Amino acid sequence: MTNQAPRFSMGNLLRRPETGSFLGLVFVVAFFTFFGGTNFASATGAASWLNVAASIGIVALPIGLLMIAGELDISIGSLIPAGSMTVAIISGHFHFPIAVGIIAGLSVGAVVGLINGILVVRTAVPSFIVTLGTLFAVAGLVLGLSVILTGTTSVALKAGDEAKFFLGHFIGGTYQVLIFWWIGISILFAFVLHYTRFGNWIFAMGGDKVSARNAGIPTDRMTILLFMISGLCATFVGVAQAILYNSAQVSAGQSYIFNAIISVVVGGVLLTGGYGSVFGIVLGTLTFAVVNQGIYFTPFDANWASLIIGVMLLLAVLMNNTFRTLALSYASKKK
């Protein structure tokens, strides 16, 4: 008996969550390379959108996992500045060691994520409403405490060389070190989601949480854990930004809410849960970053960037739905 190598299947290709996002990325890169010329394709041009993709991507990955599990976290918009202000106030204003500030900043994200998860699990209130509440609560708390403790909403931070090396410097003066963190976190998330039982549990929760619970999956603990990871990643980005730019502000971070969600949706994750991939999320993040930054390399008016991003989101959703429909049709014909 001989083993036959798996043959190429168009149906399997169309069913992949990242197929549509990959084609979308190819299109936008070709578009901006054509209209942006050599500047867009240069090392400096690539750095402009890779740097943006890294910070958004680290936040988008746990948001993607939550959406696959049927949940959503928009409190990240306040957790990013919360992480920045925490490390800046502790290590910049009060001059504690930078390690203490980093740990405190990350702890804020984990604690808020824990609160989000517990509220979602115990109250059965939709996660969008719960995290909307914590979004405003954390924003108000950060603003109030910043004014009380420092008398200002912007705090300077001078981190040491080690913190700068690992979290806040430009490699070759162009590429943020955060890019390598994004790559590492993406690999870790891909392994967990696609090659472990925890990943299977996440997909099962998004498909039908009641059935998943009846099958013995610890849905409550998984939900809380996913929210904690989301909060941790958001404050990690905030801490890294404070160290990179030597300052923190209470107003930074709100744009990440929609930017991360757009990246995840463009990456092929269903809003209804149960479908998606880490590779698709990475491609969706790159696509969003290219559109967001590529407009500045073209002769087009930069004010049209929001319109292009909105159209891109709609086209991505339609494209992903079309691919899934084609996949189901192809599978039916093969039976």
C-alpha atoms as a PDB file:
ATOM      1  CA  MET A   1       0.000   0.000   0.000  1.00  0.00           C
ATOM      2  CA  THR A   2       1.533   3.277  -1.092  1.00  0.00           C
ATOM      3  CA  ASN A   3       0.999   6.706   0.469  1.00  0.00           C
ATOM      4  CA  GLN A   4      -0.326   9.256  -1.939  1.00  0.00           C
ATOM      5  CA  ALA A   5       0.674  12.889  -1.573  1.00  0.00           C
ATOM      6  CA  PRO A   6      -2.275  15.223  -1.015  1.00  0.00           C
ATOM      7  CA  ARG A   7      -3.377  16.762  -4.297  1.00  0.00           C
ATOM      8  CA  PHE A   8      -4.023  20.419  -4.834  1.00  0.00           C
ATOM      9  CA  SER A   9      -7.666  21.238  -4.118  1.00  0.00           C
ATOM     10  CA  MET A  10      -9.268  24.461  -5.326  1.00  0.00           C
ATOM     11  CA  GLY A  11     -12.002  23.995  -2.749  1.00  0.00           C
ATOM     12  CA  ASN A  12      -9.486  23.828   0.095  1.00  0.00           C
ATOM     13  CA  LEU A  13      -7.725  26.913  -1.232  1.00  0.00           C
ATOM     14  CA  LEU A  14     -10.956  28.903  -1.434  1.00  0.00           C
ATOM     15  CA  ARG A  15     -11.917  27.847   2.070  1.00  0.00           C
ATOM     16  CA  ARG A  16      -8.753  29.307   3.548  1.00  0.00           C
ATOM     17  CA  PRO A  17      -9.566  32.428   5.623  1.00  0.00           C
ATOM     18  CA  GLU A  18      -6.470  34.225   4.326  1.00  0.00           C
ATOM     19  CA  THR A  19      -7.087  33.711   0.600  1.00  0.00           C
ATOM     20  CA  GLY A  20      -9.067  36.898   0.140  1.00  0.00           C
ATOM     21  CA  SER A  21      -6.731  38.954   2.335  1.00  0.00           C
ATOM     22  CA  PHE A  22      -3.693  37.695   0.410  1.00  0.00           C
ATOM     23  CA  LEU A  23      -5.192  38.773  -2.918  1.00  0.00           C
ATOM     24  CA  GLY A  24      -6.147  42.096  -1.354  1.00  0.00           C
ATOM     25  CA  LEU A  25      -2.590  42.648  -0.125  1.00  0.00           C
ATOM     26  CA  VAL A  26      -1.157  41.837  -3.557  1.00  0.00           C
ATOM     27  CA  PHE A  27      -3.543  44.324  -5.133  1.00  0.00           C
ATOM     28  CA  VAL A  28      -2.831  47.240  -2.775  1.00  0.00           C
ATOM     29  CA  VAL A  29       0.946  46.679  -2.897  1.00  0.00           C
ATOM     30  CA  ALA A  30       0.840  46.656  -6.704  1.00  0.00           C
ATOM     31  CA  PHE A  31      -1.413  49.726  -6.716  1.00  0.00           C
ATOM     32  CA  PHE A  32       0.779  51.853  -4.462  1.00  0.00           C
ATOM     33  CA  THR A  33       3.990  50.588  -6.032  1.00  0.00           C
ATOM     34  CA  PHE A  34       2.672  51.761  -9.405  1.00  0.00           C
ATOM     35  CA  PHE A  35       1.449  55.162  -8.225  1.00  0.00           C
ATOM     36  CA  GLY A  36       3.993  55.668  -5.425  1.00  0.00           C
ATOM     37  CA  GLY A  37       7.037  54.829  -7.500  1.00  0.00           C
ATOM     38  CA  THR A  38      10.437  54.039  -6.081  1.00  0.00           C
ATOM     39  CA  ASN A  39       9.798  55.909  -2.825  1.00  0.00           C
ATOM     40  CA  PHE A  40       7.070  53.491  -1.765  1.00  0.00           C
ATOM     41  CA  ALA A  41       9.148  50.445  -2.730  1.00  0.00           C
ATOM     42  CA  SER A  42      12.289  51.722  -0.989  1.00  0.00           C
ATOM     43  CA  ALA A  43      13.511  50.573   2.424  1.00  0.00           C
ATOM     44  CA  THR A  44      12.274  53.808   3.973  1.00  0.00           C
ATOM     45  CA  GLY A  45       8.889  53.412   2.326  1.00  0.00           C
ATOM     46  CA  ALA A  46       8.557  49.827   3.546  1.00  0.00           C
ATOM     47  CA  ALA A  47       9.501  50.922   7.056  1.00  0.00           C
ATOM     48  CA  SER A  48       6.678  53.470   7.107  1.00  0.00           C
ATOM     49  CA  TRP A  49       4.005  50.803   6.801  1.00  0.00           C
ATOM     50  CA  LEU A  50       5.833  47.990   8.589  1.00  0.00           C
ATOM     51  CA  ASN A  51       6.215  50.186  11.691  1.00  0.00           C
ATOM     52  CA  VAL A  52       2.495  50.951  11.620  1.00  0.00           C
ATOM     53  CA  ALA A  53       1.638  47.298  10.983  1.00  0.00           C
ATOM     54  CA  ALA A  54       3.726  46.120  13.939  1.00  0.00           C
ATOM     55  CA  SER A  55       1.969  48.225  16.573  1.00  0.00           C
ATOM     56  CA  ILE A  56      -1.493  47.556  15.136  1.00  0.00           C
ATOM     57  CA  GLY A  57      -0.689  43.897  14.549  1.00  0.00           C
ATOM     58  CA  ILE A  58       0.244  43.156  18.165  1.00  0.00           C
ATOM     59  CA  VAL A  59      -3.147  44.526  19.217  1.00  0.00           C
ATOM     60  CA  ALA A  60      -5.044  42.931  16.318  1.00  0.00           C
ATOM     61  CA  LEU A  61      -3.854  39.381  17.029  1.00  0.00           C
ATOM     62  CA  PRO A  62      -5.660  38.941  20.389  1.00  0.00           C
ATOM     63  CA  ILE A  63      -8.650  40.875  19.021  1.00  0.00           C
ATOM     64  CA  GLY A  64      -8.756  38.341  16.195  1.00  0.00           C
ATOM     65  CA  LEU A  65      -8.702  35.433  18.632  1.00  0.00           C
ATOM     66  CA  LEU A  66     -11.506  37.023  20.628  1.00  0.00           C
ATOM     67  CA  MET A  67     -13.575  37.530  17.469  1.00  0.00           C
ATOM     68  CA  ILE A  68     -12.991  33.921  16.420  1.00  0.00           C
ATOM     69  CA  ALA A  69     -14.261  32.959  19.881  1.00  0.00           C
ATOM     70  CA  GLY A  70     -17.336  35.138  19.365  1.00  0.00           C
ATOM     71  CA  GLU A  71     -16.283  38.079  21.558  1.00  0.00           C
ATOM     72  CA  LEU A  72     -14.958  41.621  21.059  1.00  0.00           C
ATOM     73  CA  ASP A  73     -12.730  43.961  23.069  1.00  0.00           C
ATOM     74  CA  ILE A  74     -12.784  47.681  22.354  1.00  0.00           C
ATOM     75  CA  SER A  75     -11.266  48.726  25.681  1.00  0.00           C
ATOM     76  CA  ILE A  76      -7.856  48.547  23.963  1.00  0.00           C
ATOM     77  CA  GLY A  77      -8.388  52.172  22.943  1.00  0.00           C
ATOM     78  CA  SER A  78      -7.884  53.205  26.568  1.00  0.00           C
ATOM     79  CA  LEU A  79      -5.455  50.473  27.589  1.00  0.00           C
ATOM     80  CA  ILE A  80      -2.751  51.603  25.159  1.00  0.00           C
ATOM     81  CA  PRO A  81      -2.477  55.087  26.730  1.00  0.00           C
ATOM     82  CA  ALA A  82      -2.991  53.489  30.159  1.00  0.00           C
ATOM     83  CA  GLY A  83       0.138  51.386  29.617  1.00  0.00           C
ATOM     84  CA  SER A  84       2.063  54.393  28.317  1.00  0.00           C
ATOM     85  CA  MET A  85       1.044  56.689  31.164  1.00  0.00           C
ATOM     86  CA  THR A  86       1.650  54.044  33.832  1.00  0.00           C
ATOM     87  CA  VAL A  87       5.268  53.437  32.854  1.00  0.00           C
ATOM     88  CA  ALA A  88       5.845  57.168  32.276  1.00  0.00           C
ATOM     89  CA  ILE A  89       4.406  58.217  35.636  1.00  0.00           C
ATOM     90  CA  ILE A  90       6.145  55.482  37.649  1.00  0.00           C
ATOM     91  CA  SER A  91       9.540  55.546  35.925  1.00  0.00           C
ATOM     92  CA  GLY A  92       9.501  59.016  34.407  1.00  0.00           C
ATOM     93  CA  HIS A  93       7.768  61.192  37.004  1.00  0.00           C
ATOM     94  CA  PHE A  94       8.551  59.260  40.192  1.00  0.00           C
ATOM     95  CA  HIS A  95      11.879  57.860  38.908  1.00  0.00           C
ATOM     96  CA  PHE A  96      11.353  54.224  39.860  1.00  0.00           C
ATOM     97  CA  PRO A  97      13.421  51.659  37.904  1.00  0.00           C
ATOM     98  CA  ILE A  98      12.138  51.176  34.352  1.00  0.00           C
ATOM     99  CA  ALA A  99      11.499  47.472  35.039  1.00  0.00           C
ATOM    100  CA  VAL A 100       9.022  48.441  37.763  1.00  0.00           C
ATOM    101  CA  GLY A 101       7.221  50.785  35.375  1.00  0.00           C
ATOM    102  CA  ILE A 102       7.057  48.154  32.619  1.00  0.00           C
ATOM    103  CA  ILE A 103       5.677  45.501  34.970  1.00  0.00           C
ATOM    104  CA  ALA A 104       3.125  47.955  36.346  1.00  0.00           C
ATOM    105  CA  GLY A 105       2.043  48.996  32.851  1.00  0.00           C
ATOM    106  CA  LEU A 106       1.561  45.403  31.729  1.00  0.00           C
ATOM    107  CA  SER A 107      -0.267  44.580  34.966  1.00  0.00           C
ATOM    108  CA  VAL A 108      -2.833  47.272  34.235  1.00  0.00           C
ATOM    109  CA  GLY A 109      -3.733  45.524  30.982  1.00  0.00           C
ATOM    110  CA  ALA A 110      -3.949  42.107  32.617  1.00  0.00           C
ATOM    111  CA  VAL A 111      -6.160  43.396  35.446  1.00  0.00           C
ATOM    112  CA  VAL A 112      -8.546  45.269  33.145  1.00  0.00           C
ATOM    113  CA  GLY A 113      -8.688  42.216  30.884  1.00  0.00           C
ATOM    114  CA  LEU A 114      -9.513  40.085  33.920  1.00  0.00           C
ATOM    115  CA  ILE A 115     -12.323  42.464  34.846  1.00  0.00           C
ATOM    116  CA  ASN A 116     -13.658  42.434  31.283  1.00  0.00           C
ATOM    117  CA  GLY A 117     -13.621  38.647  31.170  1.00  0.00           C
ATOM    118  CA  ILE A 118     -15.308  38.209  34.543  1.00  0.00           C
ATOM    119  CA  LEU A 119     -18.036  40.718  33.679  1.00  0.00           C
ATOM    120  CA  VAL A 120     -18.714  39.045  30.328  1.00  0.00           C
ATOM    121  CA  VAL A 121     -18.849  35.584  31.895  1.00  0.00           C
ATOM    122  CA  ARG A 122     -20.814  36.449  35.049  1.00  0.00           C
ATOM    123  CA  THR A 123     -23.316  38.957  33.663  1.00  0.00           C
ATOM    124  CA  ALA A 124     -23.915  37.548  30.152  1.00  0.00           C
ATOM    125  CA  VAL A 125     -23.847  41.153  28.905  1.00  0.00           C
ATOM    126  CA  PRO A 126     -22.434  41.337  25.347  1.00  0.00           C
ATOM    127  CA  SER A 127     -18.692  41.898  25.375  1.00  0.00           C
ATOM    128  CA  PHE A 128     -19.071  44.975  23.167  1.00  0.00           C
ATOM    129  CA  ILE A 129     -21.120  46.701  25.883  1.00  0.00           C
ATOM    130  CA  VAL A 130     -18.843  45.552  28.707  1.00  0.00           C
ATOM    131  CA  THR A 131     -15.665  46.724  27.005  1.00  0.00           C
ATOM    132  CA  LEU A 132     -17.334  49.951  25.904  1.00  0.00           C
ATOM    133  CA  GLY A 133     -17.917  50.663  29.573  1.00  0.00           C
ATOM    134  CA  THR A 134     -14.344  49.848  30.553  1.00  0.00           C
ATOM    135  CA  LEU A 135     -13.104  51.897  27.591  1.00  0.00           C
ATOM    136  CA  PHE A 136     -14.587  55.070  29.087  1.00  0.00           C
ATOM    137  CA  ALA A 137     -13.896  54.051  32.689  1.00  0.00           C
ATOM    138  CA  VAL A 138     -10.189  53.455  32.076  1.00  0.00           C
ATOM    139  CA  ALA A 139      -9.899  56.628  29.974  1.00  0.00           C
ATOM    140  CA  GLY A 140     -11.418  58.698  32.776  1.00  0.00           C
ATOM    141  CA  LEU A 141      -9.289  56.993  35.414  1.00  0.00           C
ATOM    142  CA  VAL A 142      -6.060  57.546  33.477  1.00  0.00           C
ATOM    143  CA  LEU A 143      -6.914  61.199  32.848  1.00  0.00           C
ATOM    144  CA  GLY A 144      -7.916  61.880  36.445  1.00  0.00           C
ATOM    145  CA  LEU A 145      -4.953  60.135  38.053  1.00  0.00           C
ATOM    146  CA  SER A 146      -2.496  61.722  35.615  1.00  0.00           C
ATOM    147  CA  VAL A 147      -3.649  65.212  36.527  1.00  0.00           C
ATOM    148  CA  ILE A 148      -3.684  64.423  40.258  1.00  0.00           C
ATOM    149  CA  LEU A 149      -0.267  62.763  40.322  1.00  0.00           C
ATOM    150  CA  THR A 150       1.644  64.860  37.786  1.00  0.00           C
ATOM    151  CA  GLY A 151      -0.476  67.930  37.135  1.00  0.00           C
ATOM    152  CA  THR A 152      -0.379  67.294  33.392  1.00  0.00           C
ATOM    153  CA  THR A 153      -1.681  64.939  30.709  1.00  0.00           C
ATOM    154  CA  SER A 154       1.713  64.446  29.076  1.00  0.00           C
ATOM    155  CA  VAL A 155       4.628  62.894  30.955  1.00  0.00           C
ATOM    156  CA  ALA A 156       8.237  62.600  29.798  1.00  0.00           C
ATOM    157  CA  LEU A 157      10.123  59.316  30.152  1.00  0.00           C
ATOM    158  CA  LYS A 158      13.829  58.610  29.862  1.00  0.00           C
ATOM    159  CA  ALA A 159      14.334  54.856  29.703  1.00  0.00           C
ATOM    160  CA  GLY A 160      17.658  53.111  30.081  1.00  0.00           C
ATOM    161  CA  ASP A 161      19.687  51.615  27.264  1.00  0.00           C
ATOM    162  CA  GLU A 162      18.434  48.068  27.874  1.00  0.00           C
ATOM    163  CA  ALA A 163      14.771  49.088  27.741  1.00  0.00           C
ATOM    164  CA  LYS A 164      15.486  51.106  24.612  1.00  0.00           C
ATOM    165  CA  PHE A 165      17.244  48.174  22.981  1.00  0.00           C
ATOM    166  CA  PHE A 166      14.461  45.663  23.579  1.00  0.00           C
ATOM    167  CA  LEU A 167      11.393  47.878  23.220  1.00  0.00           C
ATOM    168  CA  GLY A 168      12.095  51.326  21.874  1.00  0.00           C
ATOM    169  CA  HIS A 169      14.717  51.872  19.216  1.00  0.00           C
ATOM    170  CA  PHE A 170      14.933  52.038  15.434  1.00  0.00           C
ATOM    171  CA  ILE A 171      17.018  49.346  13.772  1.00  0.00           C
ATOM    172  CA  GLY A 172      19.214  51.005  11.202  1.00  0.00           C
ATOM    173  CA  GLY A 173      17.498  54.236  12.151  1.00  0.00           C
ATOM    174  CA  THR A 174      14.405  53.146  10.213  1.00  0.00           C
ATOM    175  CA  TYR A 175      12.684  49.960  11.432  1.00  0.00           C
ATOM    176  CA  GLN A 176      11.138  49.785  14.890  1.00  0.00           C
ATOM    177  CA  VAL A 177      12.259  46.854  17.031  1.00  0.00           C
ATOM    178  CA  LEU A 178       8.549  46.271  17.668  1.00  0.00           C
ATOM    179  CA  ILE A 179       8.418  44.606  14.231  1.00  0.00           C
ATOM    180  CA  PHE A 180      10.364  41.621  15.601  1.00  0.00           C
ATOM    181  CA  TRP A 181       8.064  41.432  18.609  1.00  0.00           C
ATOM    182  CA  TRP A 182       5.116  41.326  16.205  1.00  0.00           C
ATOM    183  CA  ILE A 183       6.699  38.491  14.217  1.00  0.00           C
ATOM    184  CA  GLY A 184       7.424  36.492  17.364  1.00  0.00           C
ATOM    185  CA  ILE A 185       3.951  37.008  18.837  1.00  0.00           C
ATOM    186  CA  SER A 186       2.366  36.085  15.491  1.00  0.00           C
ATOM    187  CA  ILE A 187       4.290  32.796  15.389  1.00  0.00           C
ATOM    188  CA  LEU A 188       3.270  32.040  18.971  1.00  0.00           C
ATOM    189  CA  PHE A 189      -0.405  32.831  18.319  1.00  0.00           C
ATOM    190  CA  ALA A 190      -0.371  30.787  15.100  1.00  0.00           C
ATOM    191  CA  PHE A 191       0.990  27.758  16.932  1.00  0.00           C
ATOM    192  CA  VAL A 192      -1.565  28.048  19.737  1.00  0.00           C
ATOM    193  CA  LEU A 193      -4.560  28.643  17.452  1.00  0.00           C
ATOM    194  CA  HIS A 194      -3.803  26.091  14.745  1.00  0.00           C
ATOM    195  CA  TYR A 195      -1.780  23.361  16.453  1.00  0.00           C
ATOM    196  CA  THR A 196      -3.040  23.029  20.027  1.00  0.00           C
ATOM    197  CA  ARG A 197      -6.259  22.012  21.727  1.00  0.00           C
ATOM    198  CA  PHE A 198      -6.663  25.571  22.999  1.00  0.00           C
ATOM    199  CA  GLY A 199      -7.004  26.714  19.407  1.00  0.00           C
ATOM    200  CA  ASN A 200      -9.649  24.080  18.791  1.00  0.00           C
ATOM    201  CA  TRP A 201     -11.488  25.324  21.864  1.00  0.00           C
ATOM    202  CA  ILE A 202     -11.413  28.899  20.527  1.00  0.00           C
ATOM    203  CA  PHE A 203     -12.962  27.838  17.223  1.00  0.00           C
ATOM    204  CA  ALA A 204     -15.545  25.723  19.041  1.00  0.00           C
ATOM    205  CA  MET A 205     -16.526  28.659  21.263  1.00  0.00           C
ATOM    206  CA  GLY A 206     -17.062  30.848  18.227  1.00  0.00           C
ATOM    207  CA  GLY A 207     -19.122  28.186  16.508  1.00  0.00           C
ATOM    208  CA  ASP A 208     -21.483  27.462  19.394  1.00  0.00           C
ATOM    209  CA  LYS A 209     -20.497  28.377  22.948  1.00  0.00           C
ATOM    210  CA  VAL A 210     -23.278  26.333  24.562  1.00  0.00           C
ATOM    211  CA  SER A 211     -22.294  23.192  22.657  1.00  0.00           C
ATOM    212  CA  ALA A 212     -18.641  23.849  23.455  1.00  0.00           C
ATOM    213  CA  ARG A 213     -19.449  24.110  27.162  1.00  0.00           C
ATOM    214  CA  ASN A 214     -21.516  20.928  27.020  1.00  0.00           C
ATOM    215  CA  ALA A 215     -18.561  19.191  25.369  1.00  0.00           C
ATOM    216  CA  GLY A 216     -16.420  19.952  28.415  1.00  0.00           C
ATOM    217  CA  ILE A 217     -14.537  22.980  27.109  1.00  0.00           C
ATOM    218  CA  PRO A 218     -13.838  25.492  29.941  1.00  0.00           C
ATOM    219  CA  THR A 219     -15.462  28.362  28.057  1.00  0.00           C
ATOM    220  CA  ASP A 220     -15.535  30.730  31.035  1.00  0.00           C
ATOM    221  CA  ARG A 221     -11.838  30.372  31.802  1.00  0.00           C
ATOM    222  CA  MET A 222     -10.952  30.612  28.120  1.00  0.00           C
ATOM    223  CA  THR A 223     -12.998  33.807  27.743  1.00  0.00           C
ATOM    224  CA  ILE A 224     -11.315  35.421  30.741  1.00  0.00           C
ATOM    225  CA  LEU A 225      -7.875  34.338  29.510  1.00  0.00           C
ATOM    226  CA  LEU A 226      -8.466  35.777  26.027  1.00  0.00           C
ATOM    227  CA  PHE A 227      -9.529  39.138  27.474  1.00  0.00           C
ATOM    228  CA  MET A 228      -6.459  39.198  29.713  1.00  0.00           C
ATOM    229  CA  ILE A 229      -4.201  38.497  26.719  1.00  0.00           C
ATOM    230  CA  SER A 230      -5.915  41.304  24.794  1.00  0.00           C
ATOM    231  CA  GLY A 231      -5.367  43.765  27.634  1.00  0.00           C
ATOM    232  CA  LEU A 232      -1.772  42.629  28.081  1.00  0.00           C
ATOM    233  CA  CYS A 233      -0.943  43.099  24.385  1.00  0.00           C
ATOM    234  CA  ALA A 234      -2.575  46.543  24.325  1.00  0.00           C
ATOM    235  CA  THR A 235      -0.589  47.829  27.296  1.00  0.00           C
ATOM    236  CA  PHE A 236       2.567  46.227  25.868  1.00  0.00           C
ATOM    237  CA  VAL A 237       2.194  48.418  22.782  1.00  0.00           C
ATOM    238  CA  GLY A 238       1.567  51.435  25.010  1.00  0.00           C
ATOM    239  CA  VAL A 239       4.663  50.757  27.092  1.00  0.00           C
ATOM    240  CA  ALA A 240       6.806  50.261  23.982  1.00  0.00           C
ATOM    241  CA  GLN A 241       5.556  53.524  22.471  1.00  0.00           C
ATOM    242  CA  ALA A 242       6.325  55.475  25.642  1.00  0.00           C
ATOM    243  CA  ILE A 243       9.870  54.094  25.671  1.00  0.00           C
ATOM    244  CA  LEU A 244      10.319  54.708  21.947  1.00  0.00           C
ATOM    245  CA  TYR A 245       9.103  58.312  21.948  1.00  0.00           C
ATOM    246  CA  ASN A 246      10.313  59.217  25.474  1.00  0.00           C
ATOM    247  CA  SER A 247       6.874  60.435  26.526  1.00  0.00           C
ATOM    248  CA  ALA A 248       3.265  59.410  27.055  1.00  0.00           C
ATOM    249  CA  GLN A 249      -0.079  61.151  26.549  1.00  0.00           C
ATOM    250  CA  VAL A 250      -3.546  60.267  27.813  1.00  0.00           C
ATOM    251  CA  SER A 251      -5.190  60.897  24.430  1.00  0.00           C
ATOM    252  CA  ALA A 252      -3.208  58.380  22.354  1.00  0.00           C
ATOM    253  CA  GLY A 253      -4.680  55.026  21.357  1.00  0.00           C
ATOM    254  CA  GLN A 254      -8.313  55.598  20.387  1.00  0.00           C
ATOM    255  CA  SER A 255      -7.656  54.997  16.677  1.00  0.00           C
ATOM    256  CA  TYR A 256      -6.409  51.492  17.443  1.00  0.00           C
ATOM    257  CA  ILE A 257      -9.947  50.300  18.148  1.00  0.00           C
ATOM    258  CA  PHE A 258     -11.143  50.523  14.573  1.00  0.00           C
ATOM    259  CA  ASN A 259      -7.731  50.004  12.988  1.00  0.00           C
ATOM    260  CA  ALA A 260      -7.351  46.635  14.733  1.00  0.00           C
ATOM    261  CA  ILE A 261     -10.915  45.541  13.953  1.00  0.00           C
ATOM    262  CA  ILE A 262     -10.524  46.548  10.296  1.00  0.00           C
ATOM    263  CA  SER A 263      -7.266  44.592  10.071  1.00  0.00           C
ATOM    264  CA  VAL A 264      -8.896  41.504  11.569  1.00  0.00           C
ATOM    265  CA  VAL A 265     -11.947  41.667   9.304  1.00  0.00           C
ATOM    266  CA  VAL A 266      -9.822  42.279   6.205  1.00  0.00           C
ATOM    267  CA  GLY A 267      -7.799  39.267   7.349  1.00  0.00           C
ATOM    268  CA  GLY A 268     -10.845  37.038   6.878  1.00  0.00           C
ATOM    269  CA  VAL A 269     -12.135  36.684  10.454  1.00  0.00           C
ATOM    270  CA  LEU A 270     -15.911  36.452  10.675  1.00  0.00           C
ATOM    271  CA  LEU A 271     -17.699  38.955  12.911  1.00  0.00           C
ATOM    272  CA  THR A 272     -19.988  36.101  13.942  1.00  0.00           C
ATOM    273  CA  GLY A 273     -17.059  33.992  15.174  1.00  0.00           C
ATOM    274  CA  GLY A 274     -15.780  30.492  14.514  1.00  0.00           C
ATOM    275  CA  TYR A 275     -13.700  31.316  11.416  1.00  0.00           C
ATOM    276  CA  GLY A 276     -10.315  32.895  10.812  1.00  0.00           C
ATOM    277  CA  SER A 277      -6.546  32.395  10.923  1.00  0.00           C
ATOM    278  CA  VAL A 278      -3.518  34.135  12.383  1.00  0.00           C
ATOM    279  CA  PHE A 279      -1.876  34.320   8.954  1.00  0.00           C
ATOM    280  CA  GLY A 280      -4.981  36.055   7.623  1.00  0.00           C
ATOM    281  CA  ILE A 281      -4.881  38.578  10.470  1.00  0.00           C
ATOM    282  CA  VAL A 282      -1.218  39.321   9.690  1.00  0.00           C
ATOM    283  CA  LEU A 283      -2.051  39.815   6.003  1.00  0.00           C
ATOM    284  CA  GLY A 284      -5.031  41.994   6.895  1.00  0.00           C
ATOM    285  CA  THR A 285      -2.836  44.137   9.146  1.00  0.00           C
ATOM    286  CA  LEU A 286      -0.257  44.552   6.396  1.00  0.00           C
ATOM    287  CA  THR A 287      -2.996  45.460   3.912  1.00  0.00           C
ATOM    288  CA  PHE A 288      -4.405  48.108   6.221  1.00  0.00           C
ATOM    289  CA  ALA A 289      -0.949  49.550   6.956  1.00  0.00           C
ATOM    290  CA  VAL A 290      -0.051  49.719   3.256  1.00  0.00           C
ATOM    291  CA  VAL A 291      -3.258  51.610   2.443  1.00  0.00           C
ATOM    292  CA  ASN A 292      -2.907  53.838   5.506  1.00  0.00           C
ATOM    293  CA  GLN A 293       0.656  54.881   4.665  1.00  0.00           C
ATOM    294  CA  GLY A 294       0.815  54.295   0.911  1.00  0.00           C
ATOM    295  CA  ILE A 295      -1.464  57.219   0.135  1.00  0.00           C
ATOM    296  CA  TYR A 296       1.308  59.607   1.228  1.00  0.00           C
ATOM    297  CA  PHE A 297       3.640  58.275  -1.469  1.00  0.00           C
ATOM    298  CA  THR A 298       1.163  58.950  -4.288  1.00  0.00           C
ATOM    299  CA  PRO A 299       0.073  62.200  -5.920  1.00  0.00           C
ATOM    300  CA  PHE A 300      -3.425  61.663  -4.482  1.00  0.00           C
ATOM    301  CA  ASP A 301      -4.815  63.920  -1.760  1.00  0.00           C
ATOM    302  CA  ALA A 302      -4.142  62.288   1.646  1.00  0.00           C
ATOM    303  CA  ASN A 303      -7.608  63.368   2.766  1.00  0.00           C
ATOM    304  CA  TRP A 304      -8.965  60.485   0.663  1.00  0.00           C
ATOM    305  CA  ALA A 305      -7.220  57.903   2.857  1.00  0.00           C
ATOM    306  CA  SER A 306     -10.269  57.301   5.067  1.00  0.00           C
ATOM    307  CA  LEU A 307     -12.468  56.775   2.015  1.00  0.00           C
ATOM    308  CA  ILE A 308     -10.020  54.253   0.585  1.00  0.00           C
ATOM    309  CA  ILE A 309      -9.829  52.382   3.903  1.00  0.00           C
ATOM    310  CA  GLY A 310     -13.634  52.277   4.135  1.00  0.00           C
ATOM    311  CA  VAL A 311     -14.004  50.962   0.590  1.00  0.00           C
ATOM    312  CA  MET A 312     -11.221  48.458   1.225  1.00  0.00           C
ATOM    313  CA  LEU A 313     -13.061  47.134   4.278  1.00  0.00           C
ATOM    314  CA  LEU A 314     -16.298  46.672   2.358  1.00  0.00           C
ATOM    315  CA  LEU A 315     -14.532  44.992  -0.559  1.00  0.00           C
ATOM    316  CA  ALA A 316     -12.648  42.703   1.814  1.00  0.00           C
ATOM    317  CA  VAL A 317     -15.844  41.562   3.511  1.00  0.00           C
ATOM    318  CA  LEU A 318     -17.536  40.979   0.157  1.00  0.00           C
ATOM    319  CA  MET A 319     -14.480  39.149  -1.178  1.00  0.00           C
ATOM    320  CA  ASN A 320     -14.242  36.888   1.868  1.00  0.00           C
ATOM    321  CA  ASN A 321     -17.944  36.063   1.664  1.00  0.00           C
ATOM    322  CA  THR A 322     -17.593  35.329  -2.052  1.00  0.00           C
ATOM    323  CA  PHE A 323     -14.681  32.952  -1.455  1.00  0.00           C
ATOM    324  CA  ARG A 324     -16.585  31.101   1.245  1.00  0.00           C
ATOM    325  CA  THR A 325     -19.615  30.769  -1.029  1.00  0.00           C
ATOM    326  CA  LEU A 326     -17.439  29.462  -3.863  1.00  0.00           C
ATOM    327  CA  ALA A 327     -15.786  27.017  -1.498  1.00  0.00           C
ATOM    328  CA  LEU A 328     -19.113  25.625  -0.317  1.00  0.00           C
ATOM    329  CA  SER A 329     -20.346  25.354  -3.905  1.00  0.00           C
ATOM    330  CA  TYR A 330     -17.144  23.597  -4.971  1.00  0.00           C
ATOM    331  CA  ALA A 331     -17.391  21.184  -2.051  1.00  0.00           C
ATOM    332  CA  SER A 332     -21.021  20.383  -2.929  1.00  0.00           C
ATOM    333  CA  LYS A 333     -20.122  19.589  -6.543  1.00  0.00           C
ATOM    334  CA  LYS A 334     -17.350  17.230  -5.435  1.00  0.00           C
ATOM    335  CA  LYS A 335     -19.783  15.106  -3.394  1.00  0.00           C
END
